[in-house]
PDB file of N, CA and C in Angstrom:
ATOM      1  N   MET A   1      52.370  35.910  -0.103  1.00  0.00           N
ATOM      2  CA  MET A   1      52.029  37.362  -0.207  1.00  0.00           C
ATOM      3  C   MET A   1      52.867  37.863  -1.485  1.00  0.00           C
ATOM      4  N   VAL A   2      52.247  38.745  -2.065  1.00  0.00           N
ATOM      5  CA  VAL A   2      52.984  39.396  -3.399  1.00  0.00           C
ATOM      6  C   VAL A   2      52.979  40.783  -3.119  1.00  0.00           C
ATOM      7  N   ASP A   3      54.088  41.429  -3.387  1.00  0.00           N
ATOM      8  CA  ASP A   3      54.129  42.898  -3.288  1.00  0.00           C
ATOM      9  C   ASP A   3      54.221  43.407  -4.714  1.00  0.00           C
ATOM     10  N   LEU A   4      53.405  44.375  -4.992  1.00  0.00           N
ATOM     11  CA  LEU A   4      53.542  45.039  -6.469  1.00  0.00           C
ATOM     12  C   LEU A   4      53.939  46.481  -6.262  1.00  0.00           C
ATOM     13  N   THR A   5      54.862  46.752  -7.096  1.00  0.00           N
ATOM     14  CA  THR A   5      55.271  48.180  -7.129  1.00  0.00           C
ATOM     15  C   THR A   5      55.327  48.713  -8.424  1.00  0.00           C
ATOM     16  N   MET A   6      54.949  49.965  -8.686  1.00  0.00           N
ATOM     17  CA  MET A   6      54.913  50.574 -10.040  1.00  0.00           C
ATOM     18  C   MET A   6      55.734  51.872  -9.804  1.00  0.00           C
ATOM     19  N   ASP A   7      56.725  51.861 -10.851  1.00  0.00           N
ATOM     20  CA  ASP A   7      57.413  53.130 -10.866  1.00  0.00           C
ATOM     21  C   ASP A   7      56.763  54.115 -11.885  1.00  0.00           C
ATOM     22  N   GLY A   8      57.236  55.238 -11.952  1.00  0.00           N
ATOM     23  CA  GLY A   8      56.601  56.216 -12.776  1.00  0.00           C
ATOM     24  C   GLY A   8      56.495  55.954 -14.268  1.00  0.00           C
ATOM     25  N   SER A   9      57.431  55.048 -14.725  1.00  0.00           N
ATOM     26  CA  SER A   9      57.404  54.765 -16.162  1.00  0.00           C
ATOM     27  C   SER A   9      56.330  53.785 -16.515  1.00  0.00           C
ATOM     28  N   GLY A  10      55.683  53.205 -15.558  1.00  0.00           N
ATOM     29  CA  GLY A  10      54.656  52.252 -15.959  1.00  0.00           C
ATOM     30  C   GLY A  10      55.125  50.760 -15.739  1.00  0.00           C
ATOM     31  N   ASN A  11      56.329  50.594 -15.328  1.00  0.00           N
ATOM     32  CA  ASN A  11      56.955  49.229 -15.119  1.00  0.00           C
ATOM     33  C   ASN A  11      56.319  48.681 -13.745  1.00  0.00           C
ATOM     34  N   VAL A  12      56.092  47.496 -13.702  1.00  0.00           N
ATOM     35  CA  VAL A  12      55.526  46.836 -12.544  1.00  0.00           C
ATOM     36  C   VAL A  12      56.641  45.825 -12.011  1.00  0.00           C
ATOM     37  N   THR A  13      56.945  45.869 -10.802  1.00  0.00           N
ATOM     38  CA  THR A  13      57.751  44.826 -10.231  1.00  0.00           C
ATOM     39  C   THR A  13      57.028  44.070  -9.185  1.00  0.00           C
ATOM     40  N   THR A  14      57.356  42.740  -9.042  1.00  0.00           N
ATOM     41  CA  THR A  14      56.716  41.928  -8.061  1.00  0.00           C
ATOM     42  C   THR A  14      57.805  41.379  -7.162  1.00  0.00           C
ATOM     43  N   ALA A  15      57.444  41.107  -5.993  1.00  0.00           N
ATOM     44  CA  ALA A  15      58.295  40.348  -5.043  1.00  0.00           C
ATOM     45  C   ALA A  15      57.486  39.200  -4.419  1.00  0.00           C
ATOM     46  N   GLY A  16      57.832  37.938  -4.409  1.00  0.00           N
ATOM     47  CA  GLY A  16      57.134  36.868  -3.688  1.00  0.00           C
ATOM     48  C   GLY A  16      56.547  35.959  -4.771  1.00  0.00           C
ATOM     49  N   THR A  17      55.931  35.109  -4.422  1.00  0.00           N
ATOM     50  CA  THR A  17      55.356  34.203  -5.170  1.00  0.00           C
ATOM     51  C   THR A  17      53.836  34.018  -4.920  1.00  0.00           C
ATOM     52  N   VAL A  18      53.100  33.546  -5.996  1.00  0.00           N
ATOM     53  CA  VAL A  18      51.689  33.248  -5.854  1.00  0.00           C
ATOM     54  C   VAL A  18      51.384  31.907  -6.153  1.00  0.00           C
ATOM     55  N   THR A  19      50.751  31.232  -5.181  1.00  0.00           N
ATOM     56  CA  THR A  19      50.440  29.865  -5.521  1.00  0.00           C
ATOM     57  C   THR A  19      49.034  29.794  -5.315  1.00  0.00           C
ATOM     58  N   PHE A  20      48.433  28.994  -6.240  1.00  0.00           N
ATOM     59  CA  PHE A  20      46.934  28.709  -6.127  1.00  0.00           C
ATOM     60  C   PHE A  20      46.854  27.224  -5.826  1.00  0.00           C
ATOM     61  N   THR A  21      45.981  27.038  -4.729  1.00  0.00           N
ATOM     62  CA  THR A  21      45.626  25.566  -4.559  1.00  0.00           C
ATOM     63  C   THR A  21      44.166  25.416  -4.568  1.00  0.00           C
ATOM     64  N   SER A  22      43.759  24.350  -5.055  1.00  0.00           N
ATOM     65  CA  SER A  22      42.287  24.190  -5.246  1.00  0.00           C
ATOM     66  C   SER A  22      41.830  22.681  -4.681  1.00  0.00           C
ATOM     67  N   PRO A  23      42.249  22.219  -3.638  1.00  0.00           N
ATOM     68  CA  PRO A  23      41.781  20.806  -3.299  1.00  0.00           C
ATOM     69  C   PRO A  23      40.414  20.741  -3.161  1.00  0.00           C
ATOM     70  N   GLN A  24      39.634  21.924  -2.804  1.00  0.00           N
ATOM     71  CA  GLN A  24      38.060  21.803  -2.833  1.00  0.00           C
ATOM     72  C   GLN A  24      37.593  21.625  -4.147  1.00  0.00           C
ATOM     73  N   LEU A  25      38.148  22.281  -5.132  1.00  0.00           N
ATOM     74  CA  LEU A  25      37.813  22.240  -6.501  1.00  0.00           C
ATOM     75  C   LEU A  25      37.951  20.788  -7.046  1.00  0.00           C
ATOM     76  N   ASN A  26      39.097  20.154  -6.666  1.00  0.00           N
ATOM     77  CA  ASN A  26      39.311  18.763  -7.226  1.00  0.00           C
ATOM     78  C   ASN A  26      38.220  17.803  -6.529  1.00  0.00           C
ATOM     79  N   GLU A  27      37.954  18.082  -5.296  1.00  0.00           N
ATOM     80  CA  GLU A  27      36.920  17.153  -4.494  1.00  0.00           C
ATOM     81  C   GLU A  27      35.615  17.530  -5.255  1.00  0.00           C
ATOM     82  N   ASP A  28      35.251  18.675  -5.401  1.00  0.00           N
ATOM     83  CA  ASP A  28      33.947  19.017  -6.134  1.00  0.00           C
ATOM     84  C   ASP A  28      33.905  18.451  -7.450  1.00  0.00           C
ATOM     85  N   THR A  29      35.043  18.443  -8.191  1.00  0.00           N
ATOM     86  CA  THR A  29      34.972  17.880  -9.537  1.00  0.00           C
ATOM     87  C   THR A  29      34.859  16.305  -9.403  1.00  0.00           C
ATOM     88  N   SER A  30      35.445  15.776  -8.609  1.00  0.00           N
ATOM     89  CA  SER A  30      35.297  14.252  -8.401  1.00  0.00           C
ATOM     90  C   SER A  30      33.881  13.937  -8.048  1.00  0.00           C
ATOM     91  N   ALA A  31      33.270  14.666  -7.176  1.00  0.00           N
ATOM     92  CA  ALA A  31      31.849  14.485  -6.630  1.00  0.00           C
ATOM     93  C   ALA A  31      30.881  14.626  -7.953  1.00  0.00           C
ATOM     94  N   LEU A  32      31.125  15.667  -8.658  1.00  0.00           N
ATOM     95  CA  LEU A  32      30.323  15.943  -9.882  1.00  0.00           C
ATOM     96  C   LEU A  32      30.476  14.737 -10.906  1.00  0.00           C
ATOM     97  N   LYS A  33      31.658  14.369 -11.012  1.00  0.00           N
ATOM     98  CA  LYS A  33      31.879  13.353 -12.125  1.00  0.00           C
ATOM     99  C   LYS A  33      30.987  11.989 -11.602  1.00  0.00           C
ATOM    100  N   ARG A  34      31.109  11.741 -10.249  1.00  0.00           N
ATOM    101  CA  ARG A  34      30.470  10.568  -9.668  1.00  0.00           C
ATOM    102  C   ARG A  34      28.847  10.756 -10.147  1.00  0.00           C
ATOM    103  N   LYS A  35      28.450  12.013  -9.750  1.00  0.00           N
ATOM    104  CA  LYS A  35      26.984  12.209  -9.945  1.00  0.00           C
ATOM    105  C   LYS A  35      26.659  12.075 -11.423  1.00  0.00           C
ATOM    106  N   ILE A  36      27.469  12.520 -12.321  1.00  0.00           N
ATOM    107  CA  ILE A  36      27.261  12.314 -13.758  1.00  0.00           C
ATOM    108  C   ILE A  36      27.141  10.930 -14.092  1.00  0.00           C
ATOM    109  N   GLU A  37      28.055  10.074 -13.672  1.00  0.00           N
ATOM    110  CA  GLU A  37      28.040   8.791 -13.953  1.00  0.00           C
ATOM    111  C   GLU A  37      26.856   8.007 -13.432  1.00  0.00           C
ATOM    112  N   ASN A  38      26.398   8.380 -12.170  1.00  0.00           N
ATOM    113  CA  ASN A  38      25.178   7.769 -11.723  1.00  0.00           C
ATOM    114  C   ASN A  38      23.986   8.095 -12.440  1.00  0.00           C
ATOM    115  N   GLN A  39      23.925   9.435 -12.889  1.00  0.00           N
ATOM    116  CA  GLN A  39      22.729   9.884 -13.763  1.00  0.00           C
ATOM    117  C   GLN A  39      22.766   9.257 -15.156  1.00  0.00           C
ATOM    118  N   GLN A  40      23.947   8.965 -15.684  1.00  0.00           N
ATOM    119  CA  GLN A  40      24.073   8.385 -16.898  1.00  0.00           C
ATOM    120  C   GLN A  40      23.523   6.806 -16.910  1.00  0.00           C
ATOM    121  N   LYS A  41      23.877   6.143 -15.773  1.00  0.00           N
ATOM    122  CA  LYS A  41      23.416   4.803 -15.484  1.00  0.00           C
ATOM    123  C   LYS A  41      21.898   4.824 -15.335  1.00  0.00           C
ATOM    124  N   LYS A  42      21.342   5.795 -14.614  1.00  0.00           N
ATOM    125  CA  LYS A  42      19.913   5.784 -14.371  1.00  0.00           C
ATOM    126  C   LYS A  42      19.172   5.995 -15.767  1.00  0.00           C
ATOM    127  N   LEU A  43      19.902   6.931 -16.643  1.00  0.00           N
ATOM    128  CA  LEU A  43      19.440   7.149 -17.881  1.00  0.00           C
ATOM    129  C   LEU A  43      19.313   5.976 -18.788  1.00  0.00           C
ATOM    130  N   GLU A  44      20.377   5.210 -18.784  1.00  0.00           N
ATOM    131  CA  GLU A  44      20.537   3.855 -19.519  1.00  0.00           C
ATOM    132  C   GLU A  44      19.515   2.892 -18.964  1.00  0.00           C
ATOM    133  N   LEU A  45      19.307   2.910 -17.750  1.00  0.00           N
ATOM    134  CA  LEU A  45      18.069   2.135 -17.286  1.00  0.00           C
ATOM    135  C   LEU A  45      16.722   2.524 -17.658  1.00  0.00           C
ATOM    136  N   GLN A  46      16.670   3.732 -17.619  1.00  0.00           N
ATOM    137  CA  GLN A  46      15.200   4.311 -18.127  1.00  0.00           C
ATOM    138  C   GLN A  46      14.997   4.057 -19.606  1.00  0.00           C
ATOM    139  N   GLU A  47      16.031   4.185 -20.357  1.00  0.00           N
ATOM    140  CA  GLU A  47      16.017   3.825 -21.722  1.00  0.00           C
ATOM    141  C   GLU A  47      15.517   2.454 -22.166  1.00  0.00           C
ATOM    142  N   GLN A  48      16.191   1.481 -21.371  1.00  0.00           N
ATOM    143  CA  GLN A  48      15.851   0.047 -21.492  1.00  0.00           C
ATOM    144  C   GLN A  48      14.501  -0.126 -21.097  1.00  0.00           C
ATOM    145  N   ARG A  49      14.053   0.431 -19.989  1.00  0.00           N
ATOM    146  CA  ARG A  49      12.606   0.392 -19.702  1.00  0.00           C
ATOM    147  C   ARG A  49      11.715   0.804 -20.700  1.00  0.00           C
ATOM    148  N   ILE A  50      12.128   2.046 -21.333  1.00  0.00           N
ATOM    149  CA  ILE A  50      11.304   2.525 -22.347  1.00  0.00           C
ATOM    150  C   ILE A  50      11.142   1.511 -23.524  1.00  0.00           C
ATOM    151  N   GLN A  51      12.314   1.003 -23.975  1.00  0.00           N
ATOM    152  CA  GLN A  51      12.362   0.014 -25.018  1.00  0.00           C
ATOM    153  C   GLN A  51      11.304  -1.163 -24.840  1.00  0.00           C
ATOM    154  N   LEU A  52      11.514  -1.715 -23.434  1.00  0.00           N
ATOM    155  CA  LEU A  52      10.603  -2.877 -23.141  1.00  0.00           C
ATOM    156  C   LEU A  52       9.205  -2.503 -23.006  1.00  0.00           C
ATOM    157  N   LEU A  53       8.824  -1.267 -22.577  1.00  0.00           N
ATOM    158  CA  LEU A  53       7.505  -0.875 -22.639  1.00  0.00           C
ATOM    159  C   LEU A  53       6.887  -0.686 -24.143  1.00  0.00           C
ATOM    160  N   GLU A  54       7.823  -0.082 -24.910  1.00  0.00           N
ATOM    161  CA  GLU A  54       7.343   0.158 -26.305  1.00  0.00           C
ATOM    162  C   GLU A  54       7.074  -1.285 -27.044  1.00  0.00           C
ATOM    163  N   ARG A  55       7.942  -2.268 -26.717  1.00  0.00           N
ATOM    164  CA  ARG A  55       7.729  -3.617 -27.171  1.00  0.00           C
ATOM    165  C   ARG A  55       6.536  -4.162 -26.801  1.00  0.00           C
ATOM    166  N   ASP A  56       6.142  -4.037 -25.494  1.00  0.00           N
ATOM    167  CA  ASP A  56       4.925  -4.587 -24.887  1.00  0.00           C
ATOM    168  C   ASP A  56       3.704  -3.877 -25.569  1.00  0.00           C
ATOM    169  N   LEU A  57       3.877  -2.520 -25.755  1.00  0.00           N
ATOM    170  CA  LEU A  57       2.776  -1.830 -26.463  1.00  0.00           C
ATOM    171  C   LEU A  57       2.532  -2.396 -27.839  1.00  0.00           C
ATOM    172  N   ARG A  58       3.729  -2.521 -28.576  1.00  0.00           N
ATOM    173  CA  ARG A  58       3.527  -3.131 -30.001  1.00  0.00           C
ATOM    174  C   ARG A  58       2.974  -4.466 -29.904  1.00  0.00           C
ATOM    175  N   LEU A  59       3.301  -5.259 -28.973  1.00  0.00           N
ATOM    176  CA  LEU A  59       2.756  -6.680 -28.833  1.00  0.00           C
ATOM    177  C   LEU A  59       1.208  -6.494 -28.528  1.00  0.00           C
ATOM    178  N   ALA A  60       0.855  -5.631 -27.684  1.00  0.00           N
ATOM    179  CA  ALA A  60      -0.472  -5.477 -27.204  1.00  0.00           C
ATOM    180  C   ALA A  60      -1.375  -4.963 -28.407  1.00  0.00           C
ATOM    181  N   ARG A  61      -0.912  -4.018 -29.120  1.00  0.00           N
ATOM    182  CA  ARG A  61      -1.499  -3.527 -30.265  1.00  0.00           C
ATOM    183  C   ARG A  61      -1.737  -4.489 -31.443  1.00  0.00           C
ATOM    184  N   ALA A  62      -0.703  -5.414 -31.483  1.00  0.00           N
ATOM    185  CA  ALA A  62      -0.782  -6.413 -32.566  1.00  0.00           C
ATOM    186  C   ALA A  62      -1.794  -7.386 -32.139  1.00  0.00           C
ATOM    187  N   SER A  63      -1.901  -7.707 -30.823  1.00  0.00           N
ATOM    188  CA  SER A  63      -2.916  -8.599 -30.457  1.00  0.00           C
ATOM    189  C   SER A  63      -4.313  -8.165 -30.494  1.00  0.00           C
ATOM    190  N   LYS A  64      -4.400  -7.006 -30.298  1.00  0.00           N
ATOM    191  CA  LYS A  64      -5.775  -6.038 -30.173  1.00  0.00           C
ATOM    192  C   LYS A  64      -6.108  -6.063 -31.724  1.00  0.00           C
ATOM    193  N   SER A  65      -5.189  -5.727 -32.618  1.00  0.00           N
ATOM    194  CA  SER A  65      -5.641  -5.526 -33.982  1.00  0.00           C
ATOM    195  C   SER A  65      -6.050  -6.975 -34.653  1.00  0.00           C
ATOM    196  N   ASN A  66      -5.381  -7.975 -34.167  1.00  0.00           N
ATOM    197  CA  ASN A  66      -5.775  -9.330 -34.659  1.00  0.00           C
ATOM    198  C   ASN A  66      -7.071  -9.782 -33.746  1.00  0.00           C
ATOM    199  N   ASN A  67      -7.321  -9.258 -32.842  1.00  0.00           N
ATOM    200  CA  ASN A  67      -8.458  -9.658 -31.844  1.00  0.00           C
ATOM    201  C   ASN A  67      -8.421 -11.023 -31.517  1.00  0.00           C
ATOM    202  N   ASN A  68      -7.399 -11.665 -31.434  1.00  0.00           N
ATOM    203  CA  ASN A  68      -7.382 -13.058 -31.018  1.00  0.00           C
ATOM    204  C   ASN A  68      -6.471 -13.293 -29.833  1.00  0.00           C
ATOM    205  N   LEU A  69      -6.266 -12.166 -28.926  1.00  0.00           N
ATOM    206  CA  LEU A  69      -5.577 -12.274 -27.711  1.00  0.00           C
ATOM    207  C   LEU A  69      -4.155 -12.806 -27.839  1.00  0.00           C
ATOM    208  N   GLY A  70      -3.552 -12.637 -29.040  1.00  0.00           N
ATOM    209  CA  GLY A  70      -2.236 -13.102 -29.215  1.00  0.00           C
ATOM    210  C   GLY A  70      -2.085 -14.589 -29.593  1.00  0.00           C
ATOM    211  N   PHE A  71      -3.117 -15.257 -29.753  1.00  0.00           N
ATOM    212  CA  PHE A  71      -3.125 -16.632 -30.054  1.00  0.00           C
ATOM    213  C   PHE A  71      -2.993 -16.714 -31.631  1.00  0.00           C
ATOM    214  N   THR A  72      -2.214 -17.816 -32.001  1.00  0.00           N
ATOM    215  CA  THR A  72      -2.159 -18.103 -33.525  1.00  0.00           C
ATOM    216  C   THR A  72      -3.443 -18.919 -33.850  1.00  0.00           C
ATOM    217  N   LYS A  73      -3.588 -19.003 -35.219  1.00  0.00           N
ATOM    218  CA  LYS A  73      -4.802 -19.706 -35.675  1.00  0.00           C
ATOM    219  C   LYS A  73      -4.646 -21.126 -35.104  1.00  0.00           C
ATOM    220  N   GLU A  74      -3.524 -21.716 -35.201  1.00  0.00           N
ATOM    221  CA  GLU A  74      -3.325 -23.081 -34.859  1.00  0.00           C
ATOM    222  C   GLU A  74      -3.736 -23.291 -33.284  1.00  0.00           C
ATOM    223  N   GLU A  75      -3.243 -22.301 -32.549  1.00  0.00           N
ATOM    224  CA  GLU A  75      -3.616 -22.331 -31.100  1.00  0.00           C
ATOM    225  C   GLU A  75      -5.190 -22.165 -30.961  1.00  0.00           C
ATOM    226  N   LEU A  76      -5.861 -21.367 -31.726  1.00  0.00           N
ATOM    227  CA  LEU A  76      -7.151 -21.251 -31.526  1.00  0.00           C
ATOM    228  C   LEU A  76      -7.834 -22.458 -31.890  1.00  0.00           C
ATOM    229  N   ASN A  77      -7.459 -23.191 -32.932  1.00  0.00           N
ATOM    230  CA  ASN A  77      -8.045 -24.417 -33.322  1.00  0.00           C
ATOM    231  C   ASN A  77      -7.813 -25.441 -32.295  1.00  0.00           C
ATOM    232  N   PHE A  78      -6.767 -25.380 -31.523  1.00  0.00           N
ATOM    233  CA  PHE A  78      -6.439 -26.370 -30.385  1.00  0.00           C
ATOM    234  C   PHE A  78      -7.437 -26.121 -29.315  1.00  0.00           C
ATOM    235  N   ILE A  79      -7.574 -24.828 -28.839  1.00  0.00           N
ATOM    236  CA  ILE A  79      -8.511 -24.478 -27.762  1.00  0.00           C
ATOM    237  C   ILE A  79     -10.019 -24.781 -28.291  1.00  0.00           C
ATOM    238  N   LEU A  80     -10.319 -24.565 -29.479  1.00  0.00           N
ATOM    239  CA  LEU A  80     -11.717 -24.920 -29.945  1.00  0.00           C
ATOM    240  C   LEU A  80     -11.966 -26.350 -29.844  1.00  0.00           C
ATOM    241  N   SER A  81     -10.905 -27.208 -30.218  1.00  0.00           N
ATOM    242  CA  SER A  81     -11.146 -28.697 -30.078  1.00  0.00           C
ATOM    243  C   SER A  81     -11.340 -29.075 -28.618  1.00  0.00           C
ATOM    244  N   ARG A  82     -10.893 -28.307 -27.641  1.00  0.00           N
ATOM    245  CA  ARG A  82     -11.054 -28.636 -26.359  1.00  0.00           C
ATOM    246  C   ARG A  82     -12.413 -28.178 -25.698  1.00  0.00           C
ATOM    247  N   VAL A  83     -12.917 -27.041 -26.175  1.00  0.00           N
ATOM    248  CA  VAL A  83     -14.060 -26.402 -25.661  1.00  0.00           C
ATOM    249  C   VAL A  83     -15.298 -26.622 -26.484  1.00  0.00           C
ATOM    250  N   HIS A  84     -15.326 -27.229 -27.560  1.00  0.00           N
ATOM    251  CA  HIS A  84     -16.535 -27.409 -28.445  1.00  0.00           C
ATOM    252  C   HIS A  84     -17.480 -28.166 -27.678  1.00  0.00           C
ATOM    253  N   PRO A  85     -18.750 -27.649 -28.023  1.00  0.00           N
ATOM    254  CA  PRO A  85     -19.978 -28.201 -27.276  1.00  0.00           C
ATOM    255  C   PRO A  85     -20.003 -29.756 -27.418  1.00  0.00           C
ATOM    256  N   ASP A  86     -19.596 -30.258 -28.552  1.00  0.00           N
ATOM    257  CA  ASP A  86     -19.641 -31.800 -28.743  1.00  0.00           C
ATOM    258  C   ASP A  86     -18.875 -32.477 -27.742  1.00  0.00           C
ATOM    259  N   LYS A  87     -17.715 -31.866 -27.357  1.00  0.00           N
ATOM    260  CA  LYS A  87     -16.895 -32.539 -26.325  1.00  0.00           C
ATOM    261  C   LYS A  87     -17.285 -32.210 -24.895  1.00  0.00           C
ATOM    262  N   ASN A  88     -18.151 -31.042 -24.681  1.00  0.00           N
ATOM    263  CA  ASN A  88     -18.636 -30.786 -23.413  1.00  0.00           C
ATOM    264  C   ASN A  88     -20.149 -30.419 -23.431  1.00  0.00           C
ATOM    265  N   PRO A  89     -20.850 -31.642 -23.537  1.00  0.00           N
ATOM    266  CA  PRO A  89     -22.288 -31.536 -23.725  1.00  0.00           C
ATOM    267  C   PRO A  89     -23.074 -30.768 -22.596  1.00  0.00           C
ATOM    268  N   ASN A  90     -22.492 -30.932 -21.455  1.00  0.00           N
ATOM    269  CA  ASN A  90     -23.324 -30.352 -20.259  1.00  0.00           C
ATOM    270  C   ASN A  90     -22.786 -28.942 -19.901  1.00  0.00           C
ATOM    271  N   SER A  91     -21.938 -28.381 -20.673  1.00  0.00           N
ATOM    272  CA  SER A  91     -21.353 -27.076 -20.369  1.00  0.00           C
ATOM    273  C   SER A  91     -22.200 -25.907 -20.953  1.00  0.00           C
ATOM    274  N   LYS A  92     -22.491 -24.899 -20.125  1.00  0.00           N
ATOM    275  CA  LYS A  92     -23.180 -23.796 -20.568  1.00  0.00           C
ATOM    276  C   LYS A  92     -22.136 -22.842 -21.199  1.00  0.00           C
ATOM    277  N   LEU A  93     -20.910 -22.875 -20.984  1.00  0.00           N
ATOM    278  CA  LEU A  93     -20.056 -21.845 -21.388  1.00  0.00           C
ATOM    279  C   LEU A  93     -19.541 -22.387 -22.951  1.00  0.00           C
ATOM    280  N   ALA A  94     -19.457 -23.824 -23.250  1.00  0.00           N
ATOM    281  CA  ALA A  94     -18.964 -24.136 -24.386  1.00  0.00           C
ATOM    282  C   ALA A  94     -19.489 -23.598 -25.664  1.00  0.00           C
ATOM    283  N   PRO A  95     -20.731 -23.472 -25.780  1.00  0.00           N
ATOM    284  CA  PRO A  95     -21.295 -22.808 -27.098  1.00  0.00           C
ATOM    285  C   PRO A  95     -20.718 -21.347 -27.255  1.00  0.00           C
ATOM    286  N   ASP A  96     -20.744 -20.633 -26.140  1.00  0.00           N
ATOM    287  CA  ASP A  96     -20.458 -19.211 -26.264  1.00  0.00           C
ATOM    288  C   ASP A  96     -18.879 -19.129 -26.492  1.00  0.00           C
ATOM    289  N   LEU A  97     -18.036 -19.887 -25.925  1.00  0.00           N
ATOM    290  CA  LEU A  97     -16.726 -19.947 -26.105  1.00  0.00           C
ATOM    291  C   LEU A  97     -16.340 -20.240 -27.500  1.00  0.00           C
ATOM    292  N   THR A  98     -17.040 -21.282 -27.970  1.00  0.00           N
ATOM    293  CA  THR A  98     -16.859 -21.813 -29.351  1.00  0.00           C
ATOM    294  C   THR A  98     -17.190 -20.735 -30.435  1.00  0.00           C
ATOM    295  N   LYS A  99     -18.280 -19.978 -30.257  1.00  0.00           N
ATOM    296  CA  LYS A  99     -18.532 -18.814 -31.161  1.00  0.00           C
ATOM    297  C   LYS A  99     -17.506 -17.785 -31.151  1.00  0.00           C
ATOM    298  N   LYS A 100     -17.128 -17.513 -29.958  1.00  0.00           N
ATOM    299  CA  LYS A 100     -16.128 -16.387 -29.867  1.00  0.00           C
ATOM    300  C   LYS A 100     -14.734 -16.878 -30.579  1.00  0.00           C
ATOM    301  N   ILE A 101     -14.284 -18.048 -30.325  1.00  0.00           N
ATOM    302  CA  ILE A 101     -13.163 -18.572 -30.876  1.00  0.00           C
ATOM    303  C   ILE A 101     -13.330 -18.530 -32.416  1.00  0.00           C
ATOM    304  N   ILE A 102     -14.351 -18.950 -32.964  1.00  0.00           N
ATOM    305  CA  ILE A 102     -14.626 -19.080 -34.493  1.00  0.00           C
ATOM    306  C   ILE A 102     -14.559 -17.705 -35.010  1.00  0.00           C
ATOM    307  N   ASN A 103     -15.257 -16.797 -34.363  1.00  0.00           N
ATOM    308  CA  ASN A 103     -15.239 -15.396 -34.835  1.00  0.00           C
ATOM    309  C   ASN A 103     -13.962 -14.781 -34.789  1.00  0.00           C
ATOM    310  N   ASN A 104     -13.147 -15.085 -33.863  1.00  0.00           N
ATOM    311  CA  ASN A 104     -11.696 -14.552 -33.655  1.00  0.00           C
ATOM    312  C   ASN A 104     -10.777 -15.186 -34.681  1.00  0.00           C
ATOM    313  N   ARG A 105     -10.931 -16.514 -35.081  1.00  0.00           N
ATOM    314  CA  ARG A 105     -10.132 -17.305 -35.968  1.00  0.00           C
ATOM    315  C   ARG A 105     -10.247 -16.666 -37.318  1.00  0.00           C
ATOM    316  N   LYS A 106     -11.484 -16.236 -37.582  1.00  0.00           N
ATOM    317  CA  LYS A 106     -11.705 -15.718 -38.958  1.00  0.00           C
ATOM    318  C   LYS A 106     -11.032 -14.395 -39.195  1.00  0.00           C
ATOM    319  N   LYS A 107     -10.718 -13.618 -38.113  1.00  0.00           N
ATOM    320  CA  LYS A 107     -10.117 -12.232 -38.331  1.00  0.00           C
ATOM    321  C   LYS A 107      -8.599 -12.300 -38.670  1.00  0.00           C
TER     322      LYS A 107
END
């Protein structure tokens, strides 16, 4: 408790001491710091996920722009050698697949 007295000349005298304790404030601060750290970790994970999605998008666009499903010309040649109608004479799919591969290989 503090007693304040003022005399007629404007001087103020005090008796007693004032102490401020803030254990609740320290607990609140610690809790807020933990929340901030957790949110920062979540943010970092989301940023990593965004980077992965952006990479996947770039790869998908590159594949689509080349229109070869991401295969190299060498890989398309290998596939063509396996599905060519000469190697699969009774196949109904072989001629169509061969045409698609040849068209995609040219692009």
